Amino acid sequence: MDSSAKTNSYVYSKNDGEKLLKLARSSIANKLRVNINLPKPSEIVAELQDDVFKNQLGTFVTLHLNKRLRGCIGTLESTQSVTEGIEQNAISAAFDDPRFPSLTPKEFDNIHIEVSILSQPVKLNYKDKEELLSKLESGVHGVIIRKDGARATFLPQVWQQLPDKSLFLSNLCRKAGLSENEWKTGSLEVMTYTVEYFEE
């Protein structure tokens, strides 16, 4: 398993990430009632007693099937522990992402799981589009945008598909249901965060 840790104040080890990935897979398997040889989620949680697992941070779980997105659900901020967030978001990514049908038992063995642990989002102050572009760090920042009730986020991993900052922001605006040029007006509330992420 591969891990990529970013500049969070919390540092999760590769071993921590493997445990969280196991929890995510077990949570989905338990819901599907497949792979009965996997430990139950409650058994895995009982082993995750280190303080890092009790942090109340946003988490995301992303599923891929044949290298294509198959579900992604998360929370940007949380009053739950990291373990609770991973368990619930794994189930939601598999069964409650409105963009996809529920995961099937046949698909389960072929899904690729990624878990992300978010730092606390911080407001990004900027005056115009040039300053916004200059302050965003490609490949590092996750970005949240808000305007008039519309909101959307891209995890830092999305920079791998959209490395150009302008295209990144335009696609994020579309995801929020806004004009793709909304980020150029200077009227968006923008917040950034970093992640520590682990994948199978």
N, C-alpha and C. Protein backbone atom coordinates (compact mmCIF):
# COMPACT_ATOMS: atom_id res chain seq x y z
N MET A 1 0.84 -1.19 0.00
CA MET A 1 0.00 0.00 0.00
C MET A 1 0.87 1.24 0.00
N ASP A 2 0.40 2.23 -0.68
CA ASP A 2 1.16 3.45 -0.84
C ASP A 2 0.52 4.56 -0.03
N SER A 3 1.32 5.44 0.54
CA SER A 3 0.74 6.56 1.29
C SER A 3 1.41 7.84 0.88
N SER A 4 0.66 8.93 0.98
CA SER A 4 1.21 10.25 0.69
C SER A 4 0.71 11.19 1.75
N ALA A 5 1.59 11.60 2.64
CA ALA A 5 1.19 12.49 3.73
C ALA A 5 1.54 13.91 3.38
N LYS A 6 0.62 14.80 3.65
CA LYS A 6 0.84 16.22 3.39
C LYS A 6 1.05 16.95 4.70
N THR A 7 1.05 18.26 4.63
CA THR A 7 1.46 19.07 5.76
C THR A 7 0.35 19.27 6.78
N ASN A 8 -0.15 18.20 7.36
CA ASN A 8 -1.10 18.26 8.45
C ASN A 8 -0.35 18.42 9.75
N SER A 9 -1.01 18.96 10.78
CA SER A 9 -0.39 18.99 12.10
C SER A 9 -0.46 17.60 12.73
N TYR A 10 -1.29 16.72 12.20
CA TYR A 10 -1.36 15.35 12.64
C TYR A 10 -0.64 14.50 11.61
N VAL A 11 0.19 13.58 12.07
CA VAL A 11 0.93 12.74 11.13
C VAL A 11 0.51 11.30 11.35
N TYR A 12 -0.06 10.72 10.31
CA TYR A 12 -0.51 9.34 10.35
C TYR A 12 0.53 8.48 9.63
N SER A 13 0.94 7.40 10.27
CA SER A 13 1.96 6.53 9.71
C SER A 13 1.35 5.64 8.63
N LYS A 14 2.22 4.99 7.89
CA LYS A 14 1.75 4.04 6.88
C LYS A 14 0.93 2.94 7.54
N ASN A 15 1.35 2.50 8.71
CA ASN A 15 0.63 1.47 9.44
C ASN A 15 -0.77 1.96 9.85
N ASP A 16 -0.85 3.23 10.30
CA ASP A 16 -2.15 3.81 10.63
C ASP A 16 -3.06 3.79 9.41
N GLY A 17 -2.50 4.19 8.27
CA GLY A 17 -3.29 4.23 7.04
C GLY A 17 -3.78 2.85 6.63
N GLU A 18 -2.95 1.85 6.81
CA GLU A 18 -3.36 0.49 6.45
C GLU A 18 -4.52 0.03 7.33
N LYS A 19 -4.48 0.41 8.61
CA LYS A 19 -5.58 0.05 9.51
C LYS A 19 -6.88 0.74 9.10
N LEU A 20 -6.78 2.00 8.69
CA LEU A 20 -7.98 2.72 8.27
C LEU A 20 -8.53 2.17 6.95
N LEU A 21 -7.64 1.76 6.06
CA LEU A 21 -8.09 1.13 4.82
C LEU A 21 -8.79 -0.20 5.11
N LYS A 22 -8.25 -0.94 6.04
CA LYS A 22 -8.87 -2.21 6.43
C LYS A 22 -10.26 -1.95 7.02
N LEU A 23 -10.37 -0.88 7.82
CA LEU A 23 -11.67 -0.53 8.40
C LEU A 23 -12.66 -0.16 7.31
N ALA A 24 -12.22 0.61 6.33
CA ALA A 24 -13.11 1.01 5.24
C ALA A 24 -13.60 -0.21 4.46
N ARG A 25 -12.69 -1.12 4.12
CA ARG A 25 -13.08 -2.31 3.35
C ARG A 25 -13.99 -3.21 4.17
N SER A 26 -13.67 -3.38 5.44
CA SER A 26 -14.49 -4.22 6.30
C SER A 26 -15.90 -3.65 6.45
N SER A 27 -16.00 -2.32 6.54
CA SER A 27 -17.31 -1.68 6.70
C SER A 27 -18.20 -1.93 5.49
N ILE A 28 -17.60 -1.86 4.30
CA ILE A 28 -18.36 -2.12 3.07
C ILE A 28 -18.73 -3.60 2.99
N ALA A 29 -17.77 -4.48 3.29
CA ALA A 29 -18.03 -5.92 3.23
C ALA A 29 -19.13 -6.32 4.20
N ASN A 30 -19.11 -5.72 5.38
CA ASN A 30 -20.12 -6.05 6.39
C ASN A 30 -21.52 -5.65 5.91
N LYS A 31 -21.60 -4.53 5.23
CA LYS A 31 -22.89 -4.07 4.69
C LYS A 31 -23.36 -4.99 3.56
N LEU A 32 -22.42 -5.44 2.74
CA LEU A 32 -22.76 -6.32 1.62
C LEU A 32 -22.94 -7.77 2.05
N ARG A 33 -22.46 -8.08 3.25
CA ARG A 33 -22.46 -9.46 3.76
C ARG A 33 -21.63 -10.37 2.87
N VAL A 34 -20.44 -9.88 2.52
CA VAL A 34 -19.48 -10.67 1.74
C VAL A 34 -18.17 -10.73 2.51
N ASN A 35 -17.26 -11.59 2.02
CA ASN A 35 -15.94 -11.74 2.64
C ASN A 35 -16.04 -11.91 4.16
N ILE A 36 -16.73 -12.95 4.55
CA ILE A 36 -16.96 -13.17 5.98
C ILE A 36 -15.67 -13.43 6.75
N ASN A 37 -14.57 -13.68 6.03
CA ASN A 37 -13.30 -13.91 6.71
C ASN A 37 -12.63 -12.62 7.16
N LEU A 38 -13.10 -11.48 6.66
CA LEU A 38 -12.57 -10.19 7.11
C LEU A 38 -12.98 -9.93 8.55
N PRO A 39 -12.12 -9.26 9.33
CA PRO A 39 -12.54 -8.86 10.67
C PRO A 39 -13.74 -7.92 10.58
N LYS A 40 -14.61 -7.98 11.57
CA LYS A 40 -15.76 -7.07 11.58
C LYS A 40 -15.28 -5.66 11.92
N PRO A 41 -16.00 -4.63 11.46
CA PRO A 41 -15.60 -3.25 11.76
C PRO A 41 -15.39 -3.00 13.25
N SER A 42 -16.25 -3.55 14.08
CA SER A 42 -16.13 -3.33 15.52
C SER A 42 -14.83 -3.92 16.07
N GLU A 43 -14.39 -5.02 15.48
CA GLU A 43 -13.13 -5.64 15.93
C GLU A 43 -11.93 -4.77 15.55
N ILE A 44 -11.99 -4.16 14.37
CA ILE A 44 -10.90 -3.29 13.94
C ILE A 44 -10.88 -2.02 14.78
N VAL A 45 -12.06 -1.42 15.00
CA VAL A 45 -12.15 -0.20 15.80
C VAL A 45 -11.59 -0.43 17.20
N ALA A 46 -11.84 -1.61 17.76
CA ALA A 46 -11.37 -1.92 19.11
C ALA A 46 -9.84 -1.88 19.20
N GLU A 47 -9.17 -2.08 18.05
CA GLU A 47 -7.71 -2.06 18.02
C GLU A 47 -7.16 -0.66 17.78
N LEU A 48 -8.01 0.27 17.36
CA LEU A 48 -7.55 1.61 16.99
C LEU A 48 -7.72 2.56 18.17
N GLN A 49 -6.86 2.39 19.17
CA GLN A 49 -7.00 3.15 20.41
C GLN A 49 -6.00 4.30 20.53
N ASP A 50 -5.07 4.43 19.58
CA ASP A 50 -4.11 5.54 19.64
C ASP A 50 -4.85 6.86 19.49
N ASP A 51 -4.28 7.91 20.06
CA ASP A 51 -4.94 9.22 20.06
C ASP A 51 -5.23 9.74 18.65
N VAL A 52 -4.36 9.41 17.68
CA VAL A 52 -4.58 9.94 16.32
C VAL A 52 -5.90 9.49 15.73
N PHE A 53 -6.38 8.34 16.16
CA PHE A 53 -7.65 7.83 15.64
C PHE A 53 -8.85 8.51 16.30
N LYS A 54 -8.60 9.20 17.41
CA LYS A 54 -9.68 9.86 18.14
C LYS A 54 -9.82 11.33 17.73
N ASN A 55 -8.88 11.83 16.90
CA ASN A 55 -8.97 13.22 16.44
C ASN A 55 -10.29 13.45 15.72
N GLN A 56 -10.87 14.62 15.94
CA GLN A 56 -12.11 14.98 15.26
C GLN A 56 -11.75 15.81 14.02
N LEU A 57 -11.62 15.12 12.91
CA LEU A 57 -11.19 15.73 11.65
C LEU A 57 -12.09 15.26 10.52
N GLY A 58 -12.16 16.05 9.47
CA GLY A 58 -12.89 15.64 8.28
C GLY A 58 -12.20 14.45 7.63
N THR A 59 -12.98 13.58 7.03
CA THR A 59 -12.44 12.42 6.32
C THR A 59 -13.21 12.20 5.02
N PHE A 60 -12.54 11.60 4.06
CA PHE A 60 -13.18 11.20 2.80
C PHE A 60 -12.79 9.76 2.50
N VAL A 61 -13.70 9.04 1.89
CA VAL A 61 -13.40 7.71 1.35
C VAL A 61 -13.75 7.72 -0.13
N THR A 62 -12.79 7.32 -0.95
CA THR A 62 -12.95 7.31 -2.40
C THR A 62 -12.80 5.89 -2.92
N LEU A 63 -13.72 5.49 -3.79
CA LEU A 63 -13.67 4.16 -4.40
C LEU A 63 -13.41 4.31 -5.90
N HIS A 64 -12.55 3.45 -6.42
CA HIS A 64 -12.32 3.37 -7.86
C HIS A 64 -12.56 1.94 -8.32
N LEU A 65 -13.07 1.79 -9.52
CA LEU A 65 -13.28 0.49 -10.14
C LEU A 65 -12.76 0.59 -11.56
N ASN A 66 -11.79 -0.27 -11.90
CA ASN A 66 -11.15 -0.21 -13.21
C ASN A 66 -10.60 1.19 -13.50
N LYS A 67 -10.00 1.80 -12.45
CA LYS A 67 -9.35 3.11 -12.52
C LYS A 67 -10.33 4.25 -12.78
N ARG A 68 -11.62 3.99 -12.59
CA ARG A 68 -12.63 5.03 -12.75
C ARG A 68 -13.32 5.24 -11.41
N LEU A 69 -13.69 6.49 -11.14
CA LEU A 69 -14.37 6.81 -9.89
C LEU A 69 -15.63 5.97 -9.74
N ARG A 70 -15.82 5.39 -8.55
CA ARG A 70 -17.00 4.57 -8.29
C ARG A 70 -17.78 5.06 -7.06
N GLY A 71 -17.26 6.11 -6.42
CA GLY A 71 -17.94 6.67 -5.26
C GLY A 71 -16.97 7.49 -4.44
N CYS A 72 -17.44 8.61 -3.92
CA CYS A 72 -16.60 9.45 -3.06
C CYS A 72 -17.51 10.28 -2.15
N ILE A 73 -17.39 10.03 -0.87
CA ILE A 73 -18.20 10.74 0.12
C ILE A 73 -17.30 11.11 1.30
N GLY A 74 -17.54 12.30 1.85
CA GLY A 74 -16.75 12.69 3.01
C GLY A 74 -17.34 13.86 3.74
N THR A 75 -16.65 14.25 4.78
CA THR A 75 -17.02 15.41 5.58
C THR A 75 -15.82 16.34 5.67
N LEU A 76 -16.08 17.64 5.50
CA LEU A 76 -14.98 18.61 5.53
C LEU A 76 -14.53 18.92 6.95
N GLU A 77 -15.48 18.94 7.85
CA GLU A 77 -15.18 19.12 9.26
C GLU A 77 -16.05 18.14 10.02
N SER A 78 -15.62 17.75 11.22
CA SER A 78 -16.36 16.69 11.88
C SER A 78 -16.32 16.83 13.39
N THR A 79 -17.39 16.36 14.01
CA THR A 79 -17.42 16.22 15.47
C THR A 79 -17.25 14.75 15.83
N GLN A 80 -16.97 13.93 14.82
CA GLN A 80 -16.74 12.50 15.02
C GLN A 80 -15.24 12.21 15.03
N SER A 81 -14.89 11.06 15.55
CA SER A 81 -13.50 10.62 15.48
C SER A 81 -13.16 10.22 14.05
N VAL A 82 -11.88 10.13 13.76
CA VAL A 82 -11.43 9.70 12.43
C VAL A 82 -11.97 8.31 12.12
N THR A 83 -11.94 7.40 13.09
CA THR A 83 -12.44 6.04 12.82
C THR A 83 -13.93 6.04 12.51
N GLU A 84 -14.71 6.83 13.24
CA GLU A 84 -16.14 6.90 12.97
C GLU A 84 -16.39 7.47 11.58
N GLY A 85 -15.62 8.50 11.22
CA GLY A 85 -15.78 9.12 9.91
C GLY A 85 -15.45 8.17 8.78
N ILE A 86 -14.36 7.45 8.91
CA ILE A 86 -13.96 6.51 7.86
C ILE A 86 -15.00 5.41 7.71
N GLU A 87 -15.49 4.87 8.81
CA GLU A 87 -16.47 3.79 8.75
C GLU A 87 -17.75 4.26 8.06
N GLN A 88 -18.26 5.41 8.46
CA GLN A 88 -19.51 5.90 7.88
C GLN A 88 -19.34 6.34 6.43
N ASN A 89 -18.23 7.00 6.13
CA ASN A 89 -18.04 7.49 4.76
C ASN A 89 -17.74 6.36 3.79
N ALA A 90 -17.14 5.28 4.27
CA ALA A 90 -16.92 4.12 3.40
C ALA A 90 -18.26 3.55 2.96
N ILE A 91 -19.17 3.40 3.91
CA ILE A 91 -20.51 2.88 3.57
C ILE A 91 -21.24 3.84 2.65
N SER A 92 -21.13 5.14 2.93
CA SER A 92 -21.82 6.13 2.09
C SER A 92 -21.24 6.18 0.69
N ALA A 93 -19.92 6.07 0.56
CA ALA A 93 -19.30 6.08 -0.77
C ALA A 93 -19.75 4.88 -1.59
N ALA A 94 -19.95 3.75 -0.93
CA ALA A 94 -20.34 2.53 -1.64
C ALA A 94 -21.82 2.49 -1.99
N PHE A 95 -22.64 3.10 -1.13
CA PHE A 95 -24.09 2.90 -1.29
C PHE A 95 -24.92 4.18 -1.41
N ASP A 96 -24.34 5.33 -1.09
CA ASP A 96 -25.16 6.54 -1.03
C ASP A 96 -24.67 7.69 -1.91
N ASP A 97 -23.65 7.46 -2.72
CA ASP A 97 -23.22 8.51 -3.64
C ASP A 97 -24.27 8.61 -4.75
N PRO A 98 -24.97 9.76 -4.85
CA PRO A 98 -26.08 9.85 -5.81
C PRO A 98 -25.64 9.74 -7.27
N ARG A 99 -24.37 9.82 -7.53
CA ARG A 99 -23.89 9.72 -8.92
C ARG A 99 -23.79 8.29 -9.40
N PHE A 100 -23.89 7.33 -8.48
CA PHE A 100 -23.65 5.93 -8.84
C PHE A 100 -24.70 5.02 -8.19
N PRO A 101 -24.96 3.87 -8.81
CA PRO A 101 -25.79 2.87 -8.14
C PRO A 101 -25.02 2.25 -6.98
N SER A 102 -25.74 1.59 -6.09
CA SER A 102 -25.07 0.95 -4.97
C SER A 102 -24.06 -0.10 -5.45
N LEU A 103 -22.95 -0.19 -4.73
CA LEU A 103 -21.93 -1.18 -5.04
C LEU A 103 -22.53 -2.58 -4.91
N THR A 104 -22.12 -3.47 -5.79
CA THR A 104 -22.63 -4.84 -5.76
C THR A 104 -21.57 -5.79 -5.20
N PRO A 105 -22.01 -6.94 -4.68
CA PRO A 105 -21.04 -7.93 -4.20
C PRO A 105 -20.04 -8.33 -5.29
N LYS A 106 -20.49 -8.39 -6.53
CA LYS A 106 -19.61 -8.77 -7.64
C LYS A 106 -18.49 -7.76 -7.82
N GLU A 107 -18.79 -6.48 -7.56
CA GLU A 107 -17.78 -5.43 -7.75
C GLU A 107 -16.80 -5.34 -6.57
N PHE A 108 -17.21 -5.83 -5.43
CA PHE A 108 -16.47 -5.57 -4.19
C PHE A 108 -14.99 -5.93 -4.27
N ASP A 109 -14.67 -7.12 -4.78
CA ASP A 109 -13.27 -7.57 -4.78
C ASP A 109 -12.39 -6.75 -5.70
N ASN A 110 -13.00 -6.01 -6.63
CA ASN A 110 -12.22 -5.26 -7.61
C ASN A 110 -12.13 -3.76 -7.31
N ILE A 111 -12.77 -3.30 -6.25
CA ILE A 111 -12.68 -1.88 -5.95
C ILE A 111 -11.33 -1.55 -5.31
N HIS A 112 -10.89 -0.34 -5.57
CA HIS A 112 -9.65 0.21 -5.01
C HIS A 112 -10.08 1.32 -4.07
N ILE A 113 -9.63 1.26 -2.81
CA ILE A 113 -10.09 2.19 -1.79
C ILE A 113 -9.00 3.18 -1.41
N GLU A 114 -9.40 4.42 -1.24
CA GLU A 114 -8.50 5.48 -0.78
C GLU A 114 -9.18 6.21 0.38
N VAL A 115 -8.43 6.47 1.44
CA VAL A 115 -8.97 7.23 2.57
C VAL A 115 -8.15 8.50 2.73
N SER A 116 -8.82 9.60 3.06
CA SER A 116 -8.18 10.89 3.24
C SER A 116 -8.56 11.47 4.60
N ILE A 117 -7.57 12.03 5.28
CA ILE A 117 -7.78 12.69 6.57
C ILE A 117 -7.44 14.15 6.37
N LEU A 118 -8.38 15.03 6.66
CA LEU A 118 -8.25 16.45 6.33
C LEU A 118 -7.77 17.27 7.53
N SER A 119 -6.97 18.28 7.23
CA SER A 119 -6.66 19.30 8.23
C SER A 119 -7.88 20.21 8.38
N GLN A 120 -7.88 21.06 9.38
CA GLN A 120 -8.97 22.02 9.54
C GLN A 120 -8.90 23.05 8.40
N PRO A 121 -10.00 23.28 7.69
CA PRO A 121 -9.99 24.26 6.60
C PRO A 121 -9.68 25.67 7.11
N VAL A 122 -8.94 26.41 6.29
CA VAL A 122 -8.53 27.78 6.63
C VAL A 122 -8.98 28.72 5.52
N LYS A 123 -9.56 29.85 5.89
CA LYS A 123 -10.01 30.82 4.88
C LYS A 123 -8.83 31.39 4.12
N LEU A 124 -8.97 31.46 2.80
CA LEU A 124 -7.95 32.05 1.95
C LEU A 124 -8.40 33.46 1.58
N ASN A 125 -7.67 34.45 2.02
CA ASN A 125 -7.99 35.84 1.70
C ASN A 125 -7.32 36.25 0.40
N TYR A 126 -8.10 36.84 -0.49
CA TYR A 126 -7.55 37.27 -1.78
C TYR A 126 -8.38 38.43 -2.30
N LYS A 127 -7.76 39.25 -3.15
CA LYS A 127 -8.43 40.43 -3.69
C LYS A 127 -8.99 40.21 -5.09
N ASP A 128 -8.28 39.44 -5.88
CA ASP A 128 -8.69 39.25 -7.27
C ASP A 128 -8.22 37.88 -7.76
N LYS A 129 -8.55 37.56 -9.01
CA LYS A 129 -8.26 36.23 -9.53
C LYS A 129 -6.76 35.95 -9.59
N GLU A 130 -5.97 36.99 -9.84
CA GLU A 130 -4.52 36.79 -9.91
C GLU A 130 -3.96 36.38 -8.55
N GLU A 131 -4.44 37.05 -7.51
CA GLU A 131 -3.97 36.70 -6.17
C GLU A 131 -4.47 35.32 -5.75
N LEU A 132 -5.68 34.98 -6.14
CA LEU A 132 -6.21 33.65 -5.84
C LEU A 132 -5.34 32.58 -6.48
N LEU A 133 -5.02 32.76 -7.74
CA LEU A 133 -4.18 31.78 -8.44
C LEU A 133 -2.80 31.68 -7.80
N SER A 134 -2.26 32.81 -7.39
CA SER A 134 -0.90 32.81 -6.84
C SER A 134 -0.84 32.13 -5.47
N LYS A 135 -1.94 32.19 -4.73
CA LYS A 135 -1.94 31.63 -3.38
C LYS A 135 -2.28 30.14 -3.34
N LEU A 136 -2.91 29.63 -4.39
CA LEU A 136 -3.22 28.20 -4.42
C LEU A 136 -1.97 27.39 -4.72
N GLU A 137 -1.77 26.32 -3.96
CA GLU A 137 -0.63 25.45 -4.19
C GLU A 137 -1.11 24.17 -4.89
N SER A 138 -0.76 24.05 -6.16
CA SER A 138 -1.15 22.89 -6.94
C SER A 138 -0.57 21.62 -6.32
N GLY A 139 -1.42 20.60 -6.18
CA GLY A 139 -0.97 19.33 -5.63
C GLY A 139 -0.94 19.28 -4.12
N VAL A 140 -1.13 20.41 -3.46
CA VAL A 140 -1.06 20.47 -2.00
C VAL A 140 -2.42 20.83 -1.40
N HIS A 141 -3.03 21.88 -1.92
CA HIS A 141 -4.27 22.38 -1.33
C HIS A 141 -5.51 21.63 -1.80
N GLY A 142 -6.34 21.20 -0.85
CA GLY A 142 -7.73 20.92 -1.14
C GLY A 142 -8.44 22.26 -1.10
N VAL A 143 -9.48 22.42 -1.91
CA VAL A 143 -10.13 23.73 -2.02
C VAL A 143 -11.63 23.59 -1.82
N ILE A 144 -12.17 24.48 -0.99
CA ILE A 144 -13.62 24.59 -0.78
C ILE A 144 -14.05 25.95 -1.30
N ILE A 145 -15.12 25.99 -2.09
CA ILE A 145 -15.68 27.27 -2.51
C ILE A 145 -17.12 27.35 -2.04
N ARG A 146 -17.55 28.59 -1.72
CA ARG A 146 -18.92 28.82 -1.27
C ARG A 146 -19.42 30.13 -1.87
N LYS A 147 -20.70 30.14 -2.24
CA LYS A 147 -21.36 31.38 -2.65
C LYS A 147 -22.87 31.16 -2.67
N ASP A 148 -23.60 32.01 -1.95
CA ASP A 148 -25.07 32.00 -1.96
C ASP A 148 -25.66 30.60 -1.76
N GLY A 149 -25.14 29.87 -0.82
CA GLY A 149 -25.67 28.54 -0.54
C GLY A 149 -25.07 27.43 -1.37
N ALA A 150 -24.35 27.77 -2.43
CA ALA A 150 -23.68 26.76 -3.25
C ALA A 150 -22.32 26.46 -2.63
N ARG A 151 -21.94 25.19 -2.65
CA ARG A 151 -20.66 24.80 -2.07
C ARG A 151 -20.13 23.56 -2.76
N ALA A 152 -18.81 23.49 -2.90
CA ALA A 152 -18.18 22.30 -3.46
C ALA A 152 -16.73 22.26 -3.02
N THR A 153 -16.17 21.06 -3.09
CA THR A 153 -14.76 20.91 -2.77
C THR A 153 -14.10 19.94 -3.72
N PHE A 154 -12.82 20.11 -3.92
CA PHE A 154 -11.95 19.13 -4.58
C PHE A 154 -10.84 18.78 -3.61
N LEU A 155 -10.60 17.49 -3.42
CA LEU A 155 -9.46 17.05 -2.63
C LEU A 155 -8.16 17.38 -3.38
N PRO A 156 -7.04 17.45 -2.68
CA PRO A 156 -5.77 17.73 -3.36
C PRO A 156 -5.44 16.72 -4.46
N GLN A 157 -5.94 15.48 -4.32
CA GLN A 157 -5.66 14.46 -5.32
C GLN A 157 -6.20 14.83 -6.70
N VAL A 158 -7.21 15.72 -6.74
CA VAL A 158 -7.81 16.11 -8.02
C VAL A 158 -6.83 16.88 -8.89
N TRP A 159 -5.81 17.49 -8.26
CA TRP A 159 -4.79 18.18 -9.05
C TRP A 159 -4.10 17.23 -10.03
N GLN A 160 -4.09 15.94 -9.73
CA GLN A 160 -3.46 14.97 -10.64
C GLN A 160 -4.18 14.93 -11.98
N GLN A 161 -5.50 15.15 -11.97
CA GLN A 161 -6.28 15.18 -13.21
C GLN A 161 -6.40 16.60 -13.77
N LEU A 162 -6.32 17.61 -12.90
CA LEU A 162 -6.50 19.00 -13.33
C LEU A 162 -5.34 19.85 -12.78
N PRO A 163 -4.15 19.70 -13.31
CA PRO A 163 -2.98 20.41 -12.77
C PRO A 163 -2.99 21.92 -13.04
N ASP A 164 -3.76 22.35 -14.06
CA ASP A 164 -3.84 23.77 -14.37
C ASP A 164 -4.79 24.45 -13.38
N LYS A 165 -4.33 25.49 -12.71
CA LYS A 165 -5.12 26.13 -11.66
C LYS A 165 -6.44 26.70 -12.19
N SER A 166 -6.42 27.29 -13.36
CA SER A 166 -7.64 27.86 -13.92
C SER A 166 -8.67 26.78 -14.21
N LEU A 167 -8.22 25.68 -14.81
CA LEU A 167 -9.14 24.58 -15.10
C LEU A 167 -9.65 23.94 -13.82
N PHE A 168 -8.78 23.83 -12.84
CA PHE A 168 -9.16 23.29 -11.53
C PHE A 168 -10.31 24.09 -10.94
N LEU A 169 -10.15 25.42 -10.93
CA LEU A 169 -11.17 26.28 -10.34
C LEU A 169 -12.44 26.31 -11.18
N SER A 170 -12.31 26.30 -12.49
CA SER A 170 -13.49 26.29 -13.36
C SER A 170 -14.32 25.03 -13.14
N ASN A 171 -13.64 23.89 -13.05
CA ASN A 171 -14.35 22.63 -12.82
C ASN A 171 -14.97 22.59 -11.43
N LEU A 172 -14.31 23.19 -10.45
CA LEU A 172 -14.85 23.23 -9.10
C LEU A 172 -16.10 24.11 -9.06
N CYS A 173 -16.08 25.22 -9.79
CA CYS A 173 -17.27 26.07 -9.87
C CYS A 173 -18.44 25.33 -10.50
N ARG A 174 -18.17 24.58 -11.56
CA ARG A 174 -19.24 23.80 -12.20
C ARG A 174 -19.79 22.76 -11.24
N LYS A 175 -18.91 22.13 -10.47
CA LYS A 175 -19.36 21.14 -9.50
C LYS A 175 -20.31 21.76 -8.49
N ALA A 176 -20.08 23.04 -8.14
CA ALA A 176 -20.93 23.73 -7.17
C ALA A 176 -22.22 24.25 -7.80
N GLY A 177 -22.35 24.10 -9.12
CA GLY A 177 -23.54 24.59 -9.80
C GLY A 177 -23.44 26.06 -10.17
N LEU A 178 -22.21 26.58 -10.17
CA LEU A 178 -21.97 27.98 -10.51
C LEU A 178 -21.40 28.09 -11.92
N SER A 179 -21.35 29.31 -12.42
CA SER A 179 -20.68 29.55 -13.70
C SER A 179 -19.22 29.17 -13.58
N GLU A 180 -18.66 28.60 -14.65
CA GLU A 180 -17.26 28.17 -14.59
C GLU A 180 -16.30 29.35 -14.43
N ASN A 181 -16.79 30.57 -14.69
CA ASN A 181 -15.94 31.76 -14.53
C ASN A 181 -16.18 32.49 -13.21
N GLU A 182 -16.96 31.89 -12.33
CA GLU A 182 -17.31 32.57 -11.08
C GLU A 182 -16.06 32.90 -10.24
N TRP A 183 -15.05 32.04 -10.32
CA TRP A 183 -13.85 32.25 -9.52
C TRP A 183 -13.09 33.51 -9.94
N LYS A 184 -13.36 34.00 -11.15
CA LYS A 184 -12.66 35.19 -11.65
C LYS A 184 -13.25 36.49 -11.12
N THR A 185 -14.42 36.41 -10.46
CA THR A 185 -15.10 37.63 -10.03
C THR A 185 -14.61 38.15 -8.68
N GLY A 186 -13.90 37.30 -7.93
CA GLY A 186 -13.45 37.70 -6.60
C GLY A 186 -14.52 37.63 -5.54
N SER A 187 -15.68 37.04 -5.88
CA SER A 187 -16.80 37.03 -4.94
C SER A 187 -16.97 35.70 -4.22
N LEU A 188 -16.14 34.72 -4.53
CA LEU A 188 -16.26 33.42 -3.88
C LEU A 188 -15.59 33.43 -2.51
N GLU A 189 -16.19 32.72 -1.55
CA GLU A 189 -15.48 32.42 -0.32
C GLU A 189 -14.65 31.16 -0.59
N VAL A 190 -13.37 31.26 -0.34
CA VAL A 190 -12.46 30.16 -0.63
C VAL A 190 -11.76 29.72 0.65
N MET A 191 -11.73 28.42 0.88
CA MET A 191 -11.01 27.86 2.01
C MET A 191 -10.10 26.75 1.48
N THR A 192 -8.97 26.56 2.15
CA THR A 192 -8.05 25.51 1.75
C THR A 192 -7.74 24.59 2.92
N TYR A 193 -7.33 23.39 2.59
CA TYR A 193 -6.93 22.41 3.60
C TYR A 193 -5.91 21.47 2.96
N THR A 194 -5.25 20.69 3.78
CA THR A 194 -4.35 19.66 3.28
C THR A 194 -4.88 18.30 3.72
N VAL A 195 -4.35 17.25 3.16
CA VAL A 195 -4.78 15.91 3.55
C VAL A 195 -3.59 14.99 3.74
N GLU A 196 -3.82 13.98 4.53
CA GLU A 196 -2.97 12.79 4.54
C GLU A 196 -3.82 11.70 3.94
N TYR A 197 -3.32 11.07 2.87
CA TYR A 197 -4.16 10.05 2.24
C TYR A 197 -3.39 8.76 2.03
N PHE A 198 -4.15 7.70 2.02
CA PHE A 198 -3.60 6.35 1.89
C PHE A 198 -4.47 5.57 0.91
N GLU A 199 -3.83 4.74 0.13
CA GLU A 199 -4.58 3.94 -0.84
C GLU A 199 -4.08 2.51 -0.87
N GLU A 200 -4.98 1.62 -1.27
CA GLU A 200 -4.63 0.21 -1.34
C GLU A 200 -3.68 -0.03 -2.51
